[in-house]
Amino acid sequence: MKQKYYIAVFIALILDIVLYSIFPVYNITTPSIGGLPFFYVYQIIMLAVTAIIYLIVAFIKG
């Protein structure tokens, strides 16, 4: 069971690194969503995605 946890942590970290690595692609001012440039919208979306990913990892350990 411990091995599955470490594999899940590794996958979560790699996924975050990849999603934030493509971040410069989204460093644009248009389109704006809700008055915010897409740069900030992407950051907000990634905050939620990262939280969900790490919650899943935490449930795997539990």
Protein backbone atom coordinates (compact mmCIF):
# COMPACT_ATOMS: atom_id res chain seq x y z
CA MET A 1 0.00 0.00 0.00
CA LYS A 2 2.90 2.35 0.72
CA GLN A 3 4.20 1.91 -2.81
CA LYS A 4 0.87 3.09 -4.30
CA TYR A 5 1.04 6.19 -2.14
CA TYR A 6 4.53 7.09 -3.32
CA ILE A 7 3.56 6.49 -6.93
CA ALA A 8 0.52 8.76 -6.49
CA VAL A 9 2.67 11.50 -4.93
CA PHE A 10 5.17 11.23 -7.78
CA ILE A 11 2.43 11.45 -10.42
CA ALA A 12 0.84 14.44 -8.65
CA LEU A 13 4.15 16.29 -8.52
CA ILE A 14 4.96 15.56 -12.16
CA LEU A 15 1.46 16.64 -13.22
CA ASP A 16 1.81 19.93 -11.36
CA ILE A 17 5.25 20.56 -12.81
CA VAL A 18 3.99 19.94 -16.35
CA LEU A 19 0.89 22.11 -15.91
CA TYR A 20 2.90 25.00 -14.51
CA SER A 21 5.63 24.55 -17.13
CA ILE A 22 3.22 25.41 -19.92
CA PHE A 23 2.27 28.51 -17.92
CA PRO A 24 4.16 31.00 -20.13
CA VAL A 25 1.85 29.99 -22.97
CA TYR A 26 -1.03 31.44 -20.95
CA ASN A 27 0.77 34.69 -20.05
CA ILE A 28 -1.53 36.77 -22.23
CA THR A 29 -3.95 39.59 -21.53
CA THR A 30 -6.68 38.44 -23.90
CA PRO A 31 -9.09 36.80 -23.54
CA SER A 32 -10.17 38.22 -20.22
CA ILE A 33 -12.62 36.27 -18.13
CA GLY A 34 -14.63 38.16 -15.54
CA GLY A 35 -12.46 41.24 -16.08
CA LEU A 36 -9.29 39.32 -15.20
CA PRO A 37 -6.58 38.56 -17.75
CA PHE A 38 -6.30 34.87 -18.59
CA PHE A 39 -2.98 34.81 -16.71
CA TYR A 40 -4.82 35.20 -13.40
CA VAL A 41 -7.71 32.96 -14.36
CA TYR A 42 -5.24 30.17 -15.14
CA GLN A 43 -3.62 30.64 -11.72
CA ILE A 44 -7.00 30.36 -9.98
CA ILE A 45 -7.90 27.25 -11.97
CA MET A 46 -4.53 25.66 -11.20
CA LEU A 47 -4.98 26.37 -7.50
CA ALA A 48 -8.23 24.38 -7.52
CA VAL A 49 -6.78 21.59 -9.69
CA THR A 50 -3.73 21.24 -7.47
CA ALA A 51 -5.88 21.09 -4.34
CA ILE A 52 -8.03 18.33 -5.87
CA ILE A 53 -4.97 16.36 -6.99
CA TYR A 54 -3.42 16.45 -3.52
CA LEU A 55 -6.75 15.57 -1.87
CA ILE A 56 -6.89 12.47 -4.05
CA VAL A 57 -3.34 11.59 -3.01
CA ALA A 58 -4.27 12.10 0.65
CA PHE A 59 -7.27 9.76 0.28
CA ILE A 60 -5.04 7.11 -1.27
CA LYS A 61 -2.89 7.16 1.85
CA GLY A 62 -5.89 7.09 4.20
